[in-house]
């Protein structure tokens, strides 16, 4: 009788232990599947943006591939990649809640005009894409560093398209 109870207790213990083990492994698998999904979506985004950049890069219209523009900043002992991040941050940070971005040459008609994306062309110009949700366009913005190394922007020109960009949400 004692052996029967011991065997029953051992079986119950093994069942509870394996149940807990399998539950932990299922949670680990679910977490890894979620990580895989996240990494796959990031990879798709990177491939999409690199395809866009490679299209411009093939024509030489990026700061990354324009050796003359890079040398201009390097001759002034400036880190080009750091400056590019600073330019992008400064332009995008001018998107404010409740008001149009001051670098967009058009007032929002169906909402607030915000800059979505930029491409730094060389050591003087930036191409910016903007939208208010219905109307969208592009602007060419010049930039320069003043004597205090502060960025200054001036919108040179822009184009506004009459309806929502295809594929935009």
C-alpha atoms as a PDB file:
ATOM      1  CA  UNK A   1       0.000   0.000   0.000  1.00  0.00           C
ATOM      2  CA  UNK A   2       2.862   2.331   0.897  1.00  0.00           C
ATOM      3  CA  UNK A   3       4.479   1.665  -2.500  1.00  0.00           C
ATOM      4  CA  UNK A   4       1.194   2.460  -4.289  1.00  0.00           C
ATOM      5  CA  UNK A   5       0.871   5.865  -2.551  1.00  0.00           C
ATOM      6  CA  UNK A   6       4.510   6.642  -3.232  1.00  0.00           C
ATOM      7  CA  UNK A   7       4.067   5.795  -6.933  1.00  0.00           C
ATOM      8  CA  UNK A   8       0.868   7.891  -7.093  1.00  0.00           C
ATOM      9  CA  UNK A   9       2.599  10.826  -5.416  1.00  0.00           C
ATOM     10  CA  UNK A  10       5.532  10.500  -7.849  1.00  0.00           C
ATOM     11  CA  UNK A  11       3.184  10.483 -10.867  1.00  0.00           C
ATOM     12  CA  UNK A  12       1.301  13.556  -9.591  1.00  0.00           C
ATOM     13  CA  UNK A  13       4.588  15.354  -8.982  1.00  0.00           C
ATOM     14  CA  UNK A  14       5.865  14.494 -12.476  1.00  0.00           C
ATOM     15  CA  UNK A  15       2.582  15.621 -14.047  1.00  0.00           C
ATOM     16  CA  UNK A  16       2.607  18.984 -12.237  1.00  0.00           C
ATOM     17  CA  UNK A  17       6.266  19.535 -13.007  1.00  0.00           C
ATOM     18  CA  UNK A  18       5.931  18.701 -16.714  1.00  0.00           C
ATOM     19  CA  UNK A  19       2.795  20.853 -16.979  1.00  0.00           C
ATOM     20  CA  UNK A  20       4.676  23.825 -15.507  1.00  0.00           C
ATOM     21  CA  UNK A  21       7.673  23.123 -17.782  1.00  0.00           C
ATOM     22  CA  UNK A  22       5.540  22.966 -20.939  1.00  0.00           C
ATOM     23  CA  UNK A  23       3.688  26.152 -19.983  1.00  0.00           C
ATOM     24  CA  UNK A  24       7.003  27.988 -19.503  1.00  0.00           C
ATOM     25  CA  UNK A  25       8.273  26.711 -22.867  1.00  0.00           C
ATOM     26  CA  UNK A  26       5.037  27.772 -24.622  1.00  0.00           C
ATOM     27  CA  UNK A  27       5.430  31.282 -23.206  1.00  0.00           C
ATOM     28  CA  UNK A  28       9.061  31.337 -24.322  1.00  0.00           C
ATOM     29  CA  UNK A  29       8.053  30.241 -27.827  1.00  0.00           C
ATOM     30  CA  UNK A  30       5.301  32.883 -27.974  1.00  0.00           C
ATOM     31  CA  UNK A  31       7.805  35.570 -26.934  1.00  0.00           C
ATOM     32  CA  UNK A  32      10.279  34.432 -29.578  1.00  0.00           C
ATOM     33  CA  UNK A  33       7.564  34.380 -32.263  1.00  0.00           C
ATOM     34  CA  UNK A  34       6.654  37.942 -31.312  1.00  0.00           C
ATOM     35  CA  UNK A  35      10.337  38.926 -31.542  1.00  0.00           C
ATOM     36  CA  UNK A  36      10.557  37.293 -34.963  1.00  0.00           C
ATOM     37  CA  UNK A  37       7.493  39.220 -36.168  1.00  0.00           C
ATOM     38  CA  UNK A  38       8.950  42.488 -34.871  1.00  0.00           C
ATOM     39  CA  UNK A  39      12.328  41.839 -36.481  1.00  0.00           C
ATOM     40  CA  UNK A  40      10.711  40.853 -39.785  1.00  0.00           C
ATOM     41  CA  UNK A  41       8.685  44.080 -39.867  1.00  0.00           C
ATOM     42  CA  UNK A  42      11.812  46.107 -39.050  1.00  0.00           C
ATOM     43  CA  UNK A  43      13.688  44.305 -41.813  1.00  0.00           C
ATOM     44  CA  UNK A  44      10.908  45.095 -44.307  1.00  0.00           C
ATOM     45  CA  UNK A  45      11.009  48.762 -43.283  1.00  0.00           C
ATOM     46  CA  UNK A  46      14.789  48.867 -43.652  1.00  0.00           C
ATOM     47  CA  UNK A  47      14.626  47.169 -47.034  1.00  0.00           C
ATOM     48  CA  UNK A  48      11.956  49.632 -48.151  1.00  0.00           C
ATOM     49  CA  UNK A  49      13.900  52.685 -46.971  1.00  0.00           C
ATOM     50  CA  UNK A  50      17.189  51.329 -48.339  1.00  0.00           C
ATOM     51  CA  UNK A  51      15.492  50.723 -51.705  1.00  0.00           C
ATOM     52  CA  UNK A  52      14.318  54.341 -51.724  1.00  0.00           C
ATOM     53  CA  UNK A  53      17.755  55.553 -50.671  1.00  0.00           C
ATOM     54  CA  UNK A  54      19.469  53.370 -53.244  1.00  0.00           C
ATOM     55  CA  UNK A  55      17.307  54.936 -55.955  1.00  0.00           C
ATOM     56  CA  UNK A  56      18.510  58.374 -54.928  1.00  0.00           C
ATOM     57  CA  UNK A  57      21.991  57.097 -54.185  1.00  0.00           C
ATOM     58  CA  UNK A  58      22.281  55.662 -57.673  1.00  0.00           C
ATOM     59  CA  UNK A  59      21.758  59.161 -58.985  1.00  0.00           C
ATOM     60  CA  UNK A  60      24.093  60.629 -56.335  1.00  0.00           C
ATOM     61  CA  UNK A  61      21.481  62.736 -54.549  1.00  0.00           C
ATOM     62  CA  UNK A  62      22.191  61.917 -50.925  1.00  0.00           C
ATOM     63  CA  UNK A  63      24.612  63.291 -48.417  1.00  0.00           C
ATOM     64  CA  UNK A  64      25.770  59.717 -47.781  1.00  0.00           C
ATOM     65  CA  UNK A  65      26.997  59.275 -51.352  1.00  0.00           C
ATOM     66  CA  UNK A  66      27.927  62.832 -52.305  1.00  0.00           C
ATOM     67  CA  UNK A  67      31.677  62.894 -51.659  1.00  0.00           C
ATOM     68  CA  UNK A  68      32.019  66.621 -52.360  1.00  0.00           C
ATOM     69  CA  UNK A  69      29.357  67.495 -49.805  1.00  0.00           C
ATOM     70  CA  UNK A  70      30.879  65.116 -47.250  1.00  0.00           C
ATOM     71  CA  UNK A  71      34.340  66.611 -47.793  1.00  0.00           C
ATOM     72  CA  UNK A  72      32.887  70.091 -47.285  1.00  0.00           C
ATOM     73  CA  UNK A  73      31.870  69.165 -43.733  1.00  0.00           C
ATOM     74  CA  UNK A  74      34.888  66.968 -43.041  1.00  0.00           C
ATOM     75  CA  UNK A  75      37.201  69.879 -43.970  1.00  0.00           C
ATOM     76  CA  UNK A  76      35.458  71.832 -41.208  1.00  0.00           C
ATOM     77  CA  UNK A  77      36.121  68.945 -38.762  1.00  0.00           C
ATOM     78  CA  UNK A  78      32.441  68.029 -38.545  1.00  0.00           C
ATOM     79  CA  UNK A  79      30.987  64.534 -38.227  1.00  0.00           C
ATOM     80  CA  UNK A  80      28.731  64.218 -41.283  1.00  0.00           C
ATOM     81  CA  UNK A  81      26.493  61.465 -39.907  1.00  0.00           C
ATOM     82  CA  UNK A  82      25.966  63.317 -36.635  1.00  0.00           C
ATOM     83  CA  UNK A  83      25.123  66.503 -38.544  1.00  0.00           C
ATOM     84  CA  UNK A  84      22.646  64.598 -40.739  1.00  0.00           C
ATOM     85  CA  UNK A  85      20.840  63.279 -37.642  1.00  0.00           C
ATOM     86  CA  UNK A  86      20.830  66.783 -36.171  1.00  0.00           C
ATOM     87  CA  UNK A  87      19.308  68.240 -39.364  1.00  0.00           C
ATOM     88  CA  UNK A  88      16.599  65.584 -39.504  1.00  0.00           C
ATOM     89  CA  UNK A  89      15.765  65.987 -35.826  1.00  0.00           C
ATOM     90  CA  UNK A  90      15.610  69.780 -36.078  1.00  0.00           C
ATOM     91  CA  UNK A  91      13.303  69.720 -39.139  1.00  0.00           C
ATOM     92  CA  UNK A  92      10.945  67.033 -37.818  1.00  0.00           C
ATOM     93  CA  UNK A  93      10.856  68.626 -34.348  1.00  0.00           C
ATOM     94  CA  UNK A  94       9.227  71.695 -35.889  1.00  0.00           C
ATOM     95  CA  UNK A  95       6.045  69.603 -36.298  1.00  0.00           C
ATOM     96  CA  UNK A  96       3.938  70.973 -33.444  1.00  0.00           C
ATOM     97  CA  UNK A  97       0.504  69.936 -32.244  1.00  0.00           C
ATOM     98  CA  UNK A  98      -2.157  72.323 -33.488  1.00  0.00           C
ATOM     99  CA  UNK A  99      -0.027  74.311 -35.937  1.00  0.00           C
ATOM    100  CA  UNK A 100       1.550  73.892 -39.357  1.00  0.00           C
ATOM    101  CA  UNK A 101       5.253  73.219 -39.667  1.00  0.00           C
ATOM    102  CA  UNK A 102       6.824  76.617 -40.454  1.00  0.00           C
ATOM    103  CA  UNK A 103       9.071  75.075 -43.116  1.00  0.00           C
ATOM    104  CA  UNK A 104       6.088  73.915 -45.197  1.00  0.00           C
ATOM    105  CA  UNK A 105       5.270  76.594 -47.792  1.00  0.00           C
ATOM    106  CA  UNK A 106       1.514  75.843 -47.718  1.00  0.00           C
ATOM    107  CA  UNK A 107      -1.100  76.090 -44.999  1.00  0.00           C
ATOM    108  CA  UNK A 108      -2.982  72.907 -44.181  1.00  0.00           C
ATOM    109  CA  UNK A 109      -6.394  72.724 -45.848  1.00  0.00           C
ATOM    110  CA  UNK A 110      -7.733  69.470 -44.419  1.00  0.00           C
ATOM    111  CA  UNK A 111      -5.611  69.457 -41.271  1.00  0.00           C
ATOM    112  CA  UNK A 112      -2.220  70.522 -40.052  1.00  0.00           C
ATOM    113  CA  UNK A 113       0.730  70.381 -42.439  1.00  0.00           C
ATOM    114  CA  UNK A 114       3.489  68.205 -41.028  1.00  0.00           C
ATOM    115  CA  UNK A 115       6.762  67.040 -42.525  1.00  0.00           C
ATOM    116  CA  UNK A 116       6.800  63.235 -42.766  1.00  0.00           C
ATOM    117  CA  UNK A 117      10.169  62.483 -44.241  1.00  0.00           C
ATOM    118  CA  UNK A 118      13.309  64.244 -45.392  1.00  0.00           C
ATOM    119  CA  UNK A 119      16.242  63.462 -47.648  1.00  0.00           C
ATOM    120  CA  UNK A 120      19.446  65.453 -47.236  1.00  0.00           C
ATOM    121  CA  UNK A 121      20.704  66.028 -50.751  1.00  0.00           C
ATOM    122  CA  UNK A 122      24.028  67.751 -50.176  1.00  0.00           C
ATOM    123  CA  UNK A 123      25.733  70.335 -47.969  1.00  0.00           C
ATOM    124  CA  UNK A 124      23.015  72.949 -48.625  1.00  0.00           C
ATOM    125  CA  UNK A 125      19.668  71.379 -49.544  1.00  0.00           C
ATOM    126  CA  UNK A 126      17.079  69.095 -48.017  1.00  0.00           C
ATOM    127  CA  UNK A 127      14.078  67.581 -49.807  1.00  0.00           C
ATOM    128  CA  UNK A 128      11.076  67.301 -47.458  1.00  0.00           C
ATOM    129  CA  UNK A 129       7.779  65.483 -47.951  1.00  0.00           C
ATOM    130  CA  UNK A 130       4.767  66.944 -46.126  1.00  0.00           C
ATOM    131  CA  UNK A 131       1.033  66.259 -45.768  1.00  0.00           C
ATOM    132  CA  UNK A 132      -2.091  67.343 -43.948  1.00  0.00           C
ATOM    133  CA  UNK A 133      -3.709  63.930 -44.327  1.00  0.00           C
ATOM    134  CA  UNK A 134      -5.450  64.746 -47.598  1.00  0.00           C
ATOM    135  CA  UNK A 135      -3.095  66.969 -49.514  1.00  0.00           C
ATOM    136  CA  UNK A 136       0.599  66.323 -49.767  1.00  0.00           C
ATOM    137  CA  UNK A 137       3.641  67.794 -51.393  1.00  0.00           C
ATOM    138  CA  UNK A 138       7.340  68.313 -51.344  1.00  0.00           C
ATOM    139  CA  UNK A 139       9.548  71.250 -50.467  1.00  0.00           C
ATOM    140  CA  UNK A 140      13.170  72.107 -51.059  1.00  0.00           C
ATOM    141  CA  UNK A 141      14.753  73.591 -47.943  1.00  0.00           C
ATOM    142  CA  UNK A 142      18.170  75.171 -47.750  1.00  0.00           C
ATOM    143  CA  UNK A 143      20.176  74.923 -44.546  1.00  0.00           C
ATOM    144  CA  UNK A 144      23.379  76.363 -43.236  1.00  0.00           C
ATOM    145  CA  UNK A 145      25.275  76.638 -39.994  1.00  0.00           C
ATOM    146  CA  UNK A 146      25.661  80.132 -38.577  1.00  0.00           C
ATOM    147  CA  UNK A 147      28.775  81.380 -36.757  1.00  0.00           C
ATOM    148  CA  UNK A 148      27.606  79.615 -33.565  1.00  0.00           C
ATOM    149  CA  UNK A 149      27.122  76.308 -35.456  1.00  0.00           C
ATOM    150  CA  UNK A 150      23.342  76.616 -35.099  1.00  0.00           C
ATOM    151  CA  UNK A 151      21.252  75.298 -37.963  1.00  0.00           C
ATOM    152  CA  UNK A 152      19.275  77.841 -39.966  1.00  0.00           C
ATOM    153  CA  UNK A 153      16.610  76.820 -42.490  1.00  0.00           C
ATOM    154  CA  UNK A 154      14.989  78.612 -45.407  1.00  0.00           C
ATOM    155  CA  UNK A 155      12.251  77.079 -47.568  1.00  0.00           C
ATOM    156  CA  UNK A 156      13.150  77.753 -51.192  1.00  0.00           C
ATOM    157  CA  UNK A 157      10.128  76.303 -52.991  1.00  0.00           C
ATOM    158  CA  UNK A 158       7.468  73.649 -52.774  1.00  0.00           C
ATOM    159  CA  UNK A 159       4.869  71.773 -54.733  1.00  0.00           C
ATOM    160  CA  UNK A 160       1.420  70.762 -53.488  1.00  0.00           C
ATOM    161  CA  UNK A 161      -0.457  67.847 -55.016  1.00  0.00           C
ATOM    162  CA  UNK A 162      -4.268  67.927 -55.143  1.00  0.00           C
ATOM    163  CA  UNK A 163      -5.188  64.657 -53.427  1.00  0.00           C
ATOM    164  CA  UNK A 164      -3.988  61.976 -51.048  1.00  0.00           C
ATOM    165  CA  UNK A 165      -0.806  60.244 -52.016  1.00  0.00           C
ATOM    166  CA  UNK A 166      -1.428  56.748 -53.403  1.00  0.00           C
ATOM    167  CA  UNK A 167      -0.956  54.146 -50.705  1.00  0.00           C
ATOM    168  CA  UNK A 168      -1.120  56.738 -47.888  1.00  0.00           C
ATOM    169  CA  UNK A 169      -3.416  56.124 -44.962  1.00  0.00           C
END
